[in-house]
Amino acid sequence: MSVVKIIELVGESPLGWEDAMKQIIAEAQMTLRGITRIGVVEQDIRMINDKIDVWRVRAQVSFRVERPHE
């Protein structure tokens, strides 16, 4: 039997949405094992003085829950 946990991560980049997504993937790969899916939930931008400050991506990361063998 398999159980999957889903968390949300937000990536930011001054370069664009693709780079913001790469930030999410890199962080997820460093801190999680058993990733099964990463899906974009929302994309937005933060504006300062009528100019784009950062591009943001909110994504759901799914990964298998690991339990010690009993």
C-alpha atoms as a PDB file:
ATOM      1  CA  MET A   1       0.000   0.000   0.000  1.00  0.00           C
ATOM      2  CA  SER A   2       1.222   3.507  -0.816  1.00  0.00           C
ATOM      3  CA  VAL A   3       0.374   6.834   0.801  1.00  0.00           C
ATOM      4  CA  VAL A   4       1.211  10.124  -0.913  1.00  0.00           C
ATOM      5  CA  LYS A   5       1.636  13.453   0.857  1.00  0.00           C
ATOM      6  CA  ILE A   6       1.125  16.776  -0.944  1.00  0.00           C
ATOM      7  CA  ILE A   7       2.792  20.027   0.069  1.00  0.00           C
ATOM      8  CA  GLU A   8       2.845  23.446  -1.558  1.00  0.00           C
ATOM      9  CA  LEU A   9       6.012  25.368  -2.341  1.00  0.00           C
ATOM     10  CA  VAL A  10       6.411  28.870  -3.757  1.00  0.00           C
ATOM     11  CA  GLY A  11       9.358  29.734  -5.980  1.00  0.00           C
ATOM     12  CA  GLU A  12      10.403  33.266  -6.891  1.00  0.00           C
ATOM     13  CA  SER A  13      12.739  34.578  -9.560  1.00  0.00           C
ATOM     14  CA  PRO A  14      13.575  37.937 -11.123  1.00  0.00           C
ATOM     15  CA  LEU A  15      14.122  36.061 -14.420  1.00  0.00           C
ATOM     16  CA  GLY A  16      10.707  34.514 -15.086  1.00  0.00           C
ATOM     17  CA  TRP A  17       8.248  31.736 -14.283  1.00  0.00           C
ATOM     18  CA  GLU A  18      10.446  28.979 -15.691  1.00  0.00           C
ATOM     19  CA  ASP A  19      13.300  29.927 -13.368  1.00  0.00           C
ATOM     20  CA  ALA A  20      10.889  30.187 -10.423  1.00  0.00           C
ATOM     21  CA  MET A  21       9.748  26.612 -11.179  1.00  0.00           C
ATOM     22  CA  LYS A  22      13.375  25.476 -11.344  1.00  0.00           C
ATOM     23  CA  GLN A  23      13.832  26.888  -7.824  1.00  0.00           C
ATOM     24  CA  ILE A  24      10.938  24.747  -6.591  1.00  0.00           C
ATOM     25  CA  ILE A  25      12.267  21.606  -8.290  1.00  0.00           C
ATOM     26  CA  ALA A  26      15.780  22.125  -6.919  1.00  0.00           C
ATOM     27  CA  GLU A  27      14.528  22.638  -3.355  1.00  0.00           C
ATOM     28  CA  ALA A  28      12.160  19.668  -3.533  1.00  0.00           C
ATOM     29  CA  GLN A  29      14.927  17.388  -4.829  1.00  0.00           C
ATOM     30  CA  MET A  30      17.293  18.465  -2.019  1.00  0.00           C
ATOM     31  CA  THR A  31      14.813  17.942   0.802  1.00  0.00           C
ATOM     32  CA  LEU A  32      12.352  15.223  -0.292  1.00  0.00           C
ATOM     33  CA  ARG A  33      12.569  11.603  -1.444  1.00  0.00           C
ATOM     34  CA  GLY A  34      10.069   9.703  -3.571  1.00  0.00           C
ATOM     35  CA  ILE A  35       8.672  12.695  -5.495  1.00  0.00           C
ATOM     36  CA  THR A  36       5.892  11.491  -7.798  1.00  0.00           C
ATOM     37  CA  ARG A  37       4.499  14.765  -9.203  1.00  0.00           C
ATOM     38  CA  ILE A  38       4.980  18.525  -9.220  1.00  0.00           C
ATOM     39  CA  GLY A  39       2.042  20.537 -10.545  1.00  0.00           C
ATOM     40  CA  VAL A  40       1.679  24.281 -10.982  1.00  0.00           C
ATOM     41  CA  VAL A  41      -1.246  25.696  -9.010  1.00  0.00           C
ATOM     42  CA  GLU A  42      -0.762  29.394  -9.710  1.00  0.00           C
ATOM     43  CA  GLN A  43       1.569  31.831 -11.411  1.00  0.00           C
ATOM     44  CA  ASP A  44       1.729  35.508 -10.520  1.00  0.00           C
ATOM     45  CA  ILE A  45       4.082  38.442 -10.437  1.00  0.00           C
ATOM     46  CA  ARG A  46       4.932  40.950  -7.734  1.00  0.00           C
ATOM     47  CA  MET A  47       4.998  44.551  -8.919  1.00  0.00           C
ATOM     48  CA  ILE A  48       6.935  47.472  -7.437  1.00  0.00           C
ATOM     49  CA  ASN A  49       6.529  50.981  -8.872  1.00  0.00           C
ATOM     50  CA  ASP A  50       4.650  49.597 -11.910  1.00  0.00           C
ATOM     51  CA  LYS A  51       7.514  47.238 -12.786  1.00  0.00           C
ATOM     52  CA  ILE A  52       7.846  43.488 -12.360  1.00  0.00           C
ATOM     53  CA  ASP A  53       9.887  42.741  -9.238  1.00  0.00           C
ATOM     54  CA  VAL A  54       9.653  38.931  -9.191  1.00  0.00           C
ATOM     55  CA  TRP A  55       7.861  36.131 -11.008  1.00  0.00           C
ATOM     56  CA  ARG A  56       6.223  33.636  -8.636  1.00  0.00           C
ATOM     57  CA  VAL A  57       5.026  30.055  -9.018  1.00  0.00           C
ATOM     58  CA  ARG A  58       2.982  28.140  -6.442  1.00  0.00           C
ATOM     59  CA  ALA A  59       3.213  24.383  -6.974  1.00  0.00           C
ATOM     60  CA  GLN A  60       1.999  21.197  -5.301  1.00  0.00           C
ATOM     61  CA  VAL A  61       4.681  18.589  -4.705  1.00  0.00           C
ATOM     62  CA  SER A  62       3.525  14.984  -4.219  1.00  0.00           C
ATOM     63  CA  PHE A  63       5.780  12.366  -2.636  1.00  0.00           C
ATOM     64  CA  ARG A  64       5.455   8.923  -1.112  1.00  0.00           C
ATOM     65  CA  VAL A  65       5.266   8.689   2.668  1.00  0.00           C
ATOM     66  CA  GLU A  66       8.006   6.450   4.013  1.00  0.00           C
ATOM     67  CA  ARG A  67       7.508   4.435   7.171  1.00  0.00           C
ATOM     68  CA  PRO A  68      10.046   2.320   9.016  1.00  0.00           C
ATOM     69  CA  HIS A  69       9.564  -1.415   8.621  1.00  0.00           C
ATOM     70  CA  GLU A  70       7.790  -2.907  11.628  1.00  0.00           C
END
